[in-house]
Amino acid sequence: MTDLQANARTLFEAAVKRADPALALRAHLVRSPLPKAEGEGKTFILALGKAAVPLMEEAMRHVEVAHAALVVTNPENHRPIAGAEVLAGSHPVPDQASAAAGCKVIEFLAPAKAEDRVIALISGGGSALMVAPSAGLSLEDKAAVNQALLASGMEINEMNLIRQQLSELKGGGLLRHAAPATVHAYILSDVIGDDLRAIASGPTVAPLGSREEAKSLLQASASWEDLPEAIKLHLSQPETASSAPPEPDNHLIGSNRHSLSAIFEAAQDQGWQATIVSDHLTGDVEDAADEILTAAKTLNAPSGSVKQALIFGGETTVRLRGDGRGGRNQELALRVAKRGSEELEGNWLFLSGGTDGRDGPTDAAGGIVTARTWNAIKQAEKDPETLLNNNDSYEALKAADALLMTGGTGTNVADVQIFLRVPDGTAD
């Protein structure tokens, strides 16, 4: 590993550490301890998402007795916890395990009474890991919608608005099933802007929108006609009146912005001239690559004497044009590698990674590329342009040994991007 790669990985690790679920929850509970149950009330602890296991482990240190504890997480982060039942769903596309988890969550909440307290620990990924289709819908129906959403190029908030309208638990559904107990939620945000309605599709928050809005978004994306009839029928029904659930007690304990600050601090400690360029890198990866390259071109000339670091955070989208394998971070890195090899001078490196350690349906967290990556793919007897057009960024980056591999991190606060440039003659 070169010095520049080692620097970039260290900065990425700083982002992940700042998003450590246990540390984030511990710091919050030191400032504001968990509320107690009323009288003889019981404590129910429910943890959902990719960070569910460490959140549960930490929460159980702060309660005298957990009368019931349930964890729903992804297979990579699954491990046993004494005193808790731990289930694994599927991500990013829900499967029967996700449906079983959804049923289990509803059963888990059913005994809660007014004097009880429900502690909900929520992190990114919960939307797919725990599914409970609305009446009249099947798991296959929801899976078809999810596949259409992932291929649509929609913003994550638009996707979550639609998912909420098809679920028993999303968009405040957890509150309804926990009623009349009060829910105290501690939330690790993987959503840019930290809209609590969107994190894990907002199980403890009012929905992002209505059925009519969900239908309009799907029609505008050209996905509507290909959806199952049951989905179209459900979204075409008028809204039904329902009793309002109890007000939640929601707390944000960590986010992408916190991780960007951690990168900034670590970069300064390493001697980099660091700048947080954007905490809202969203939209299509092609546009995101343009934003990154534009920022890179504003840096001092590569012959300067200052090491420079540009920091970005967000969650981009990929419009599927082929049947290749990859993820948004890998494709973003590949696009920067292509254009950077043509447009940027000097000694530079670009890293794009998901803080959960998983980018799309792959075992990579993202990509880490330099000015030589594009040609390295060719030297490996692969055609990078063809692979890019087929959304096969994983194969392309693998050929150049440019995949960012971390394994599951146990957290998730969306993605971070790091662009480093050093003066000519500096070791890379």
Protein backbone atom coordinates (compact mmCIF):
# COMPACT_ATOMS: atom_id res chain seq x y z
CA MET A 1 0.00 0.00 0.00
CA THR A 2 1.36 3.43 -0.94
CA ASP A 3 1.62 6.30 1.52
CA LEU A 4 -1.24 8.16 -0.14
CA GLN A 5 -3.49 5.11 0.02
CA ALA A 6 -2.60 4.61 3.67
CA ASN A 7 -3.44 8.25 4.41
CA ALA A 8 -6.81 7.95 2.68
CA ARG A 9 -7.71 4.75 4.50
CA THR A 10 -6.78 6.33 7.83
CA LEU A 11 -9.10 9.24 7.10
CA PHE A 12 -11.89 6.87 6.09
CA GLU A 13 -11.40 4.92 9.32
CA ALA A 14 -11.73 8.18 11.27
CA ALA A 15 -15.15 8.70 9.65
CA VAL A 16 -16.26 5.21 10.59
CA LYS A 17 -14.99 5.54 14.16
CA ARG A 18 -16.89 8.80 14.70
CA ALA A 19 -20.03 6.92 13.64
CA ASP A 20 -19.35 4.04 16.05
CA PRO A 21 -22.86 3.23 17.33
CA ALA A 22 -21.90 2.23 20.86
CA LEU A 23 -19.75 5.31 21.40
CA ALA A 24 -22.42 7.61 19.97
CA LEU A 25 -25.19 6.13 22.11
CA ARG A 26 -22.99 6.10 25.22
CA ALA A 27 -22.10 9.76 24.83
CA HIS A 28 -25.77 10.68 24.44
CA LEU A 29 -26.95 8.65 27.42
CA VAL A 30 -24.26 10.12 29.65
CA ARG A 31 -25.77 13.55 28.91
CA SER A 32 -29.39 12.41 28.96
CA PRO A 33 -30.06 9.06 30.70
CA LEU A 34 -32.81 6.73 29.56
CA PRO A 35 -36.25 7.58 30.99
CA LYS A 36 -37.66 4.99 33.37
CA ALA A 37 -40.80 2.95 32.89
CA GLU A 38 -43.84 4.00 34.93
CA GLY A 39 -44.61 2.07 38.12
CA GLU A 40 -44.32 -1.65 37.40
CA GLY A 41 -43.86 -1.05 33.69
CA LYS A 42 -41.57 -3.24 31.64
CA THR A 43 -38.73 -2.34 29.29
CA PHE A 44 -38.79 -3.49 25.65
CA ILE A 45 -35.63 -2.82 23.60
CA LEU A 46 -35.83 -3.07 19.81
CA ALA A 47 -32.78 -2.45 17.60
CA LEU A 48 -33.11 -2.12 13.81
CA GLY A 49 -30.55 -1.63 11.04
CA LYS A 50 -26.93 -2.24 10.19
CA ALA A 51 -25.78 -0.78 13.52
CA ALA A 52 -28.37 -2.67 15.56
CA VAL A 53 -26.01 -5.10 17.33
CA PRO A 54 -23.61 -2.58 18.93
CA LEU A 55 -26.53 -0.27 19.73
CA MET A 56 -28.30 -3.09 21.56
CA GLU A 57 -25.16 -4.12 23.42
CA GLU A 58 -24.63 -0.57 24.63
CA ALA A 59 -28.28 0.04 25.53
CA MET A 60 -28.42 -3.08 27.68
CA ARG A 61 -25.62 -1.63 29.79
CA HIS A 62 -27.92 1.27 30.69
CA VAL A 63 -31.01 -0.65 31.86
CA GLU A 64 -31.43 -2.72 35.01
CA VAL A 65 -33.66 -5.29 33.32
CA ALA A 66 -34.62 -5.73 29.68
CA HIS A 67 -37.87 -7.70 29.80
CA ALA A 68 -37.67 -8.28 26.06
CA ALA A 69 -34.95 -7.46 23.53
CA LEU A 70 -35.01 -7.98 19.76
CA VAL A 71 -32.39 -7.15 17.13
CA VAL A 72 -32.89 -7.04 13.36
CA THR A 73 -29.69 -6.49 11.39
CA ASN A 74 -27.87 -7.56 8.22
CA PRO A 75 -26.12 -10.95 7.92
CA GLU A 76 -22.61 -9.46 7.93
CA ASN A 77 -23.17 -7.76 11.29
CA HIS A 78 -25.17 -10.57 12.88
CA ARG A 79 -23.80 -11.99 16.14
CA PRO A 80 -25.37 -13.38 19.32
CA ILE A 81 -26.19 -11.08 22.25
CA ALA A 82 -26.90 -12.45 25.71
CA GLY A 83 -30.48 -11.68 26.66
CA ALA A 84 -31.61 -10.69 23.16
CA GLU A 85 -32.97 -12.43 20.10
CA VAL A 86 -30.94 -11.49 17.00
CA LEU A 87 -32.40 -11.86 13.50
CA ALA A 88 -30.87 -11.16 10.10
CA GLY A 89 -32.84 -9.69 7.23
CA SER A 90 -31.67 -8.96 3.69
CA HIS A 91 -30.25 -5.75 2.19
CA PRO A 92 -30.62 -3.92 -0.17
CA VAL A 93 -33.44 -6.11 -1.52
CA PRO A 94 -35.71 -7.61 1.18
CA ASP A 95 -36.41 -11.34 1.19
CA GLN A 96 -38.34 -13.88 3.26
CA ALA A 97 -35.96 -13.33 6.18
CA SER A 98 -36.85 -9.62 6.10
CA ALA A 99 -40.54 -10.50 6.08
CA ALA A 100 -40.09 -12.89 9.01
CA ALA A 101 -38.29 -10.11 10.88
CA GLY A 102 -41.17 -7.73 10.22
CA CYS A 103 -43.68 -10.21 11.59
CA LYS A 104 -41.47 -10.78 14.63
CA VAL A 105 -41.27 -7.03 15.33
CA ILE A 106 -45.07 -6.71 15.27
CA GLU A 107 -45.37 -9.69 17.64
CA PHE A 108 -42.66 -8.22 19.88
CA LEU A 109 -44.49 -4.91 20.26
CA ALA A 110 -47.98 -6.38 20.75
CA PRO A 111 -47.76 -6.93 24.57
CA ALA A 112 -46.57 -3.37 25.32
CA LYS A 113 -48.88 -1.49 27.71
CA ALA A 114 -49.24 2.19 28.61
CA GLU A 115 -46.92 1.91 31.64
CA ASP A 116 -44.17 0.21 29.64
CA ARG A 117 -41.31 1.86 27.78
CA VAL A 118 -40.15 0.84 24.32
CA ILE A 119 -36.57 1.78 23.50
CA ALA A 120 -36.07 1.82 19.73
CA LEU A 121 -32.51 1.89 18.39
CA ILE A 122 -32.66 2.78 14.71
CA SER A 123 -29.96 2.88 12.06
CA GLY A 124 -29.66 2.77 8.29
CA GLY A 125 -30.70 -0.34 6.41
CA GLY A 126 -33.76 -0.97 8.55
CA SER A 127 -36.06 -0.27 5.64
CA ALA A 128 -35.06 -3.45 3.80
CA LEU A 129 -34.04 -5.59 6.77
CA MET A 130 -37.53 -5.45 8.32
CA VAL A 131 -40.55 -5.53 6.04
CA ALA A 132 -44.23 -5.93 6.79
CA PRO A 133 -46.31 -5.39 3.65
CA SER A 134 -49.58 -3.50 3.93
CA ALA A 135 -52.77 -5.54 3.74
CA GLY A 136 -53.26 -6.98 0.27
CA LEU A 137 -49.58 -6.84 -0.67
CA SER A 138 -47.04 -9.66 -0.80
CA LEU A 139 -43.30 -9.66 -0.22
CA GLU A 140 -42.87 -10.28 -3.94
CA ASP A 141 -44.89 -7.15 -4.67
CA LYS A 142 -42.67 -5.06 -2.40
CA ALA A 143 -39.50 -6.63 -3.81
CA ALA A 144 -40.61 -5.68 -7.32
CA VAL A 145 -41.09 -2.08 -6.21
CA ASN A 146 -37.70 -2.04 -4.49
CA GLN A 147 -35.95 -3.29 -7.61
CA ALA A 148 -37.69 -0.61 -9.65
CA LEU A 149 -36.66 2.07 -7.14
CA LEU A 150 -33.00 1.00 -7.14
CA ALA A 151 -32.95 1.25 -10.94
CA SER A 152 -34.92 4.50 -11.14
CA GLY A 153 -32.30 7.09 -10.17
CA MET A 154 -34.70 8.56 -7.58
CA GLU A 155 -33.38 10.41 -4.55
CA ILE A 156 -33.35 8.32 -1.36
CA ASN A 157 -36.10 10.42 0.24
CA GLU A 158 -38.37 9.76 -2.74
CA MET A 159 -37.69 6.03 -2.46
CA ASN A 160 -38.47 6.07 1.24
CA LEU A 161 -41.71 8.01 0.69
CA ILE A 162 -42.89 5.22 -1.60
CA ARG A 163 -41.71 2.40 0.70
CA GLN A 164 -43.58 3.93 3.64
CA GLN A 165 -46.88 3.75 1.79
CA LEU A 166 -46.50 0.00 1.31
CA SER A 167 -45.64 -0.93 4.90
CA GLU A 168 -47.16 -1.70 8.30
CA LEU A 169 -44.05 -0.50 10.18
CA LYS A 170 -42.53 2.34 8.20
CA GLY A 171 -43.73 5.96 8.34
CA GLY A 172 -44.71 5.81 12.01
CA GLY A 173 -45.98 2.24 11.87
CA LEU A 174 -43.76 1.14 14.75
CA LEU A 175 -45.45 3.76 16.96
CA ARG A 176 -48.88 2.45 16.06
CA HIS A 177 -47.95 -1.15 16.86
CA ALA A 178 -46.22 -0.14 20.14
CA ALA A 179 -49.23 1.91 21.33
CA PRO A 180 -50.21 2.68 24.01
CA ALA A 181 -46.60 2.45 25.24
CA THR A 182 -44.33 5.44 24.69
CA VAL A 183 -41.43 4.92 22.31
CA HIS A 184 -38.02 6.45 23.07
CA ALA A 185 -35.99 6.29 19.84
CA TYR A 186 -32.23 6.77 19.47
CA ILE A 187 -31.33 7.24 15.83
CA LEU A 188 -28.07 6.97 13.90
CA SER A 189 -28.66 8.84 10.65
CA ASP A 190 -27.63 7.50 7.25
CA VAL A 191 -29.74 10.15 5.51
CA ILE A 192 -28.25 13.37 4.20
CA GLY A 193 -29.86 16.28 6.03
CA ASP A 194 -30.86 13.96 8.90
CA ASP A 195 -34.58 13.94 8.15
CA LEU A 196 -35.83 11.46 10.77
CA ARG A 197 -38.78 10.58 8.53
CA ALA A 198 -36.38 9.02 6.03
CA ILE A 199 -33.96 7.08 8.27
CA ALA A 200 -34.94 3.38 7.96
CA SER A 201 -38.11 4.83 6.36
CA GLY A 202 -39.11 6.54 9.59
CA PRO A 203 -40.66 3.83 11.81
CA THR A 204 -41.02 6.32 14.71
CA VAL A 205 -41.88 9.43 12.66
CA ALA A 206 -44.81 10.64 10.58
CA PRO A 207 -44.57 9.61 6.91
CA LEU A 208 -42.79 11.64 4.24
CA GLY A 209 -45.86 11.91 2.07
CA SER A 210 -49.12 10.38 0.92
CA ARG A 211 -50.18 7.48 -1.28
CA GLU A 212 -51.02 9.92 -4.04
CA GLU A 213 -47.51 11.38 -3.91
CA ALA A 214 -46.00 7.90 -4.02
CA LYS A 215 -48.09 7.05 -7.05
CA SER A 216 -47.07 10.27 -8.80
CA LEU A 217 -43.36 9.63 -8.20
CA LEU A 218 -43.60 6.14 -9.67
CA GLN A 219 -45.53 7.39 -12.68
CA ALA A 220 -42.99 10.15 -13.28
CA SER A 221 -40.11 7.64 -13.17
CA ALA A 222 -41.71 5.45 -15.85
CA SER A 223 -41.81 2.54 -13.37
CA TRP A 224 -45.57 2.55 -12.85
CA GLU A 225 -46.72 0.38 -15.74
CA ASP A 226 -44.31 -2.44 -14.88
CA LEU A 227 -45.37 -2.70 -11.22
CA PRO A 228 -47.58 -5.52 -9.86
CA GLU A 229 -51.29 -4.80 -10.08
CA ALA A 230 -51.65 -5.12 -6.30
CA ILE A 231 -49.22 -2.23 -5.82
CA LYS A 232 -51.01 -0.01 -8.32
CA LEU A 233 -54.37 -0.83 -6.72
CA HIS A 234 -53.08 -0.10 -3.20
CA LEU A 235 -51.58 3.26 -4.14
CA SER A 236 -54.74 4.22 -6.05
CA GLN A 237 -56.95 3.74 -2.97
CA PRO A 238 -57.92 6.85 -0.97
CA GLU A 239 -56.19 7.45 2.34
CA THR A 240 -57.90 5.83 5.33
CA ALA A 241 -58.36 7.65 8.62
CA SER A 242 -56.52 6.12 11.59
CA SER A 243 -56.05 7.15 15.20
CA ALA A 244 -52.88 9.13 15.77
CA PRO A 245 -50.13 7.16 17.55
CA PRO A 246 -48.54 8.47 20.75
CA GLU A 247 -45.89 11.13 20.29
CA PRO A 248 -42.40 9.62 20.08
CA ASP A 249 -39.32 10.75 21.98
CA ASN A 250 -36.75 10.87 19.14
CA HIS A 251 -33.02 11.55 19.60
CA LEU A 252 -30.40 11.90 16.84
CA ILE A 253 -27.09 10.42 18.11
CA GLY A 254 -24.87 10.42 15.00
CA SER A 255 -24.77 11.42 11.33
CA ASN A 256 -22.73 11.88 8.17
CA ARG A 257 -21.89 15.44 9.20
CA HIS A 258 -20.21 14.18 12.37
CA SER A 259 -18.07 11.83 10.28
CA LEU A 260 -17.04 14.57 7.86
CA SER A 261 -15.85 16.61 10.84
CA ALA A 262 -13.84 13.59 12.00
CA ILE A 263 -12.13 13.36 8.59
CA PHE A 264 -11.38 17.08 8.68
CA GLU A 265 -9.81 16.84 12.13
CA ALA A 266 -7.77 13.74 11.24
CA ALA A 267 -6.59 15.32 7.98
CA GLN A 268 -5.38 18.41 9.79
CA ASP A 269 -3.54 16.20 12.28
CA GLN A 270 -1.79 14.52 9.32
CA GLY A 271 -0.71 17.89 7.95
CA TRP A 272 -3.25 18.24 5.17
CA GLN A 273 -4.81 21.53 4.16
CA ALA A 274 -8.36 20.22 4.49
CA THR A 275 -11.70 21.54 3.26
CA ILE A 276 -15.19 20.11 3.68
CA VAL A 277 -16.52 20.91 0.23
CA SER A 278 -20.00 19.45 0.53
CA ASP A 279 -22.12 17.55 3.04
CA HIS A 280 -24.81 17.04 0.42
CA LEU A 281 -23.23 15.10 -2.47
CA THR A 282 -26.39 13.59 -3.94
CA GLY A 283 -27.97 12.87 -7.31
CA ASP A 284 -26.59 10.80 -10.16
CA VAL A 285 -22.97 9.61 -9.86
CA GLU A 286 -22.11 11.24 -13.18
CA ASP A 287 -23.10 14.65 -11.82
CA ALA A 288 -21.33 13.92 -8.53
CA ALA A 289 -18.12 13.09 -10.41
CA ASP A 290 -18.38 16.42 -12.18
CA GLU A 291 -18.76 18.24 -8.85
CA ILE A 292 -15.71 16.47 -7.42
CA LEU A 293 -13.54 17.16 -10.46
CA THR A 294 -14.61 20.80 -10.53
CA ALA A 295 -13.54 21.17 -6.91
CA ALA A 296 -10.27 19.36 -7.57
CA LYS A 297 -9.40 21.76 -10.39
CA THR A 298 -9.66 24.71 -8.02
CA LEU A 299 -6.78 23.43 -5.89
CA ASN A 300 -3.40 25.07 -6.07
CA ALA A 301 -1.14 23.92 -8.89
CA PRO A 302 0.33 20.46 -8.25
CA SER A 303 3.81 21.98 -8.03
CA GLY A 304 2.73 23.79 -4.84
CA SER A 305 4.17 22.82 -1.48
CA VAL A 306 0.92 22.06 0.35
CA LYS A 307 -0.79 18.69 0.77
CA GLN A 308 -4.48 19.23 0.07
CA ALA A 309 -7.57 17.26 1.05
CA LEU A 310 -11.12 17.78 -0.19
CA ILE A 311 -13.90 16.13 1.81
CA PHE A 312 -17.42 15.28 0.66
CA GLY A 313 -20.35 13.42 2.15
CA GLY A 314 -23.69 12.28 0.84
CA GLU A 315 -25.52 9.50 -0.93
CA THR A 316 -25.56 9.38 -4.71
CA THR A 317 -27.65 7.28 -7.06
CA VAL A 318 -26.86 5.13 -10.09
CA ARG A 319 -29.05 4.82 -13.14
CA LEU A 320 -28.84 1.21 -14.24
CA ARG A 321 -28.03 0.78 -17.90
CA GLY A 322 -26.58 -2.73 -17.85
CA ASP A 323 -26.50 -5.92 -15.83
CA GLY A 324 -23.08 -5.56 -14.24
CA ARG A 325 -22.23 -5.59 -10.55
CA GLY A 326 -21.19 -2.66 -8.42
CA GLY A 327 -22.48 0.14 -6.23
CA ARG A 328 -22.75 3.91 -6.21
CA ASN A 329 -19.37 4.42 -4.54
CA GLN A 330 -17.59 2.08 -6.93
CA GLU A 331 -19.14 3.69 -9.99
CA LEU A 332 -18.37 7.17 -8.69
CA ALA A 333 -14.74 6.19 -8.12
CA LEU A 334 -14.52 4.66 -11.60
CA ARG A 335 -15.95 7.80 -13.20
CA VAL A 336 -13.47 9.98 -11.33
CA ALA A 337 -10.67 7.63 -12.39
CA LYS A 338 -11.67 7.97 -16.04
CA ARG A 339 -12.02 11.72 -16.16
CA GLY A 340 -9.28 12.42 -13.65
CA SER A 341 -6.74 10.57 -15.78
CA GLU A 342 -7.59 13.01 -18.60
CA GLU A 343 -8.32 16.25 -16.78
CA LEU A 344 -6.22 16.37 -13.59
CA GLU A 345 -2.51 16.93 -13.22
CA GLY A 346 -0.20 15.91 -10.44
CA ASN A 347 -0.22 13.19 -7.85
CA TRP A 348 -3.78 12.60 -6.62
CA LEU A 349 -6.02 9.94 -5.10
CA PHE A 350 -9.78 9.67 -4.71
CA LEU A 351 -11.68 7.44 -2.27
CA SER A 352 -15.43 6.93 -2.17
CA GLY A 353 -16.82 4.55 0.41
CA GLY A 354 -19.94 3.56 2.30
CA THR A 355 -19.44 3.88 6.04
CA ASP A 356 -21.25 0.55 6.48
CA GLY A 357 -18.49 -1.24 4.57
CA ARG A 358 -20.91 -2.45 1.92
CA ASP A 359 -21.53 -0.76 -1.43
CA GLY A 360 -24.53 -2.15 -3.28
CA PRO A 361 -24.81 -5.94 -3.53
CA THR A 362 -21.03 -6.46 -3.26
CA ASP A 363 -18.40 -7.19 -0.61
CA ALA A 364 -16.61 -3.89 -1.26
CA ALA A 365 -17.13 -0.62 0.61
CA GLY A 366 -16.33 1.41 -2.51
CA GLY A 367 -13.31 2.36 -4.60
CA ILE A 368 -9.94 4.02 -4.15
CA VAL A 369 -8.42 5.30 -7.41
CA THR A 370 -5.52 7.35 -8.75
CA ALA A 371 -4.41 8.84 -12.05
CA ARG A 372 -3.13 5.39 -13.05
CA THR A 373 -6.24 3.34 -12.31
CA TRP A 374 -7.96 3.72 -15.70
CA ASN A 375 -4.90 2.52 -17.57
CA ALA A 376 -4.30 -0.23 -15.01
CA ILE A 377 -7.70 -1.68 -15.92
CA LYS A 378 -6.66 -1.75 -19.57
CA GLN A 379 -3.34 -3.34 -18.67
CA ALA A 380 -5.30 -6.09 -16.95
CA GLU A 381 -6.86 -6.77 -20.37
CA LYS A 382 -10.25 -5.32 -19.46
CA ASP A 383 -12.17 -2.62 -21.30
CA PRO A 384 -13.03 -0.02 -18.63
CA GLU A 385 -15.41 1.91 -20.88
CA THR A 386 -17.47 -1.19 -21.64
CA LEU A 387 -17.50 -2.18 -17.99
CA LEU A 388 -18.60 1.31 -16.95
CA ASN A 389 -21.43 1.37 -19.48
CA ASN A 390 -22.60 -2.00 -18.15
CA ASN A 391 -22.59 -0.73 -14.53
CA ASP A 392 -19.83 -3.26 -13.88
CA SER A 393 -17.67 -1.04 -11.69
CA TYR A 394 -16.77 -3.88 -9.33
CA GLU A 395 -15.10 -5.90 -12.08
CA ALA A 396 -13.30 -2.83 -13.41
CA LEU A 397 -11.90 -1.74 -10.05
CA LYS A 398 -11.04 -5.29 -9.07
CA ALA A 399 -8.89 -5.59 -12.19
CA ALA A 400 -6.84 -2.57 -11.04
CA ASP A 401 -6.74 -3.62 -7.36
CA ALA A 402 -8.74 -0.47 -6.65
CA LEU A 403 -11.60 -1.80 -4.53
CA LEU A 404 -11.98 -0.42 -1.02
CA MET A 405 -12.41 -3.52 1.14
CA THR A 406 -13.24 -3.07 4.84
CA GLY A 407 -15.78 -5.72 5.77
CA GLY A 408 -18.94 -4.79 7.65
CA THR A 409 -18.30 -1.89 10.01
CA GLY A 410 -21.34 -2.21 12.25
CA THR A 411 -22.46 1.33 11.48
CA ASN A 412 -23.99 3.34 8.67
CA VAL A 413 -24.02 7.12 8.17
CA ALA A 414 -24.15 7.13 4.36
CA ASP A 415 -21.06 7.72 2.20
CA VAL A 416 -17.90 9.79 2.41
CA GLN A 417 -15.53 10.90 -0.34
CA ILE A 418 -11.92 12.01 0.08
CA PHE A 419 -9.78 13.63 -2.63
CA LEU A 420 -6.08 13.99 -1.83
CA ARG A 421 -3.41 15.74 -3.85
CA VAL A 422 0.26 16.08 -2.96
CA PRO A 423 2.98 18.20 -4.58
CA ASP A 424 4.95 16.71 -7.46
CA GLY A 425 7.79 14.60 -6.25
CA THR A 426 5.98 13.57 -3.06
CA ALA A 427 5.74 9.83 -2.49
CA ASP A 428 2.32 8.34 -3.24
